[in-house]
Amino acid sequence: MKKWKAMTAGLVTLSVLTAGLTASSAVSAAEIRKADSSVQTYKDGAVVPASKAPAVRKAAREKAQSDYYITEGKKLDQAVARLLYINPEETGLDPQVDYSYRMDKTLTGDYFYHVRAFLPNSTKAAGDFLLAKDDSCVFRRFPGEARTELLDGTTEKLLAKVEIYPAYKKIPQDGVGKVLIRVPGSIPYKLTLTSLNENTLTIKTDEQGQQWVYGVTRGKGDVLAEVEIGGYITSKTLNFTVMDEKDVAREENRTSGGWPIGIGIGFGWGHGRHHHGHGGGIIIGM
């Protein structure tokens, strides 16, 4: 019996020792992995050998992923479930493929969750989507083609977020003014401008389909601006003042620096940039 107890005690001692060595090995391995981690390699502003540049780059990307994107959790799971609910032919997502997903932490235009799908073990995007935070609509973006399509829902609530305003309310006689449109996510839209006082203002469209407010005679006039997206329309009446040469001179003297930024005299004034899609207006994405 004493001999058996001695053997048992010896086995217990050996087991404890083995466990201790195993734990020690595990800790050491964890420490080694931590030391080798690219995250530990990155320190902003640090000077490192050029040979470590790839590791520093990798660490910077990992840090950015953490700072700017959501890669797991309930919010992302809900967004992915919303996408998978839509016909795969419309989303372009193969139900048999195990994609990885990434969501921007910041809302696009304070309205859309921006979600992208990536091919397995790849940084190549397989889909780019905008999901309304109120779950009213889902859009698919085609970055390479500069187009966006409505996949599901309606745009009625989206139209309530659209902003319409003149670039500048005062325009010169025989000069032009423009209307600015701000749409969350730079969703494409159709703009229709209608002069409500054609004696003072008319609407002209250039070769690119851009609409301009043209000053006919000195005075005040209104323009009705209508924005259409996905079968819904929102509108706003904009007020303009057309100034003659004396008005322009007074304006220049008042500003003491020439004509205010954003306004040009005559049709030599630059036409700015166009939104991707339907003619009219200037879009400002959010």
Foldseek 3Di string as FASTA:
>chain_A
DVVVVVVVVVVVVVVVVVVVVVVVVVVVVVVVCVVVQLLVVEDPPDDDDPVCVVSNVVNVVVVCLVVWKDQDDDVVVVVVVLVVVFDCVLQVDDPVFDWGKIWTPDAFLNFWIWMWTHGPPDPDTRWIKTAGPVRQWIKTDDVVQQAIDTRDHACPVQQVSKDKAWPDQEAEAQFWTFIEIEGGPLHDKAKDKDWPDVCAWDWDADPVQEIIIHGHDFDKTWMKIWIDDRHDIDIDIYIHGYHYPVVLVVCCVVVVHHDDPRYDHHPVDDDDDDRPDYHYGHYDYD
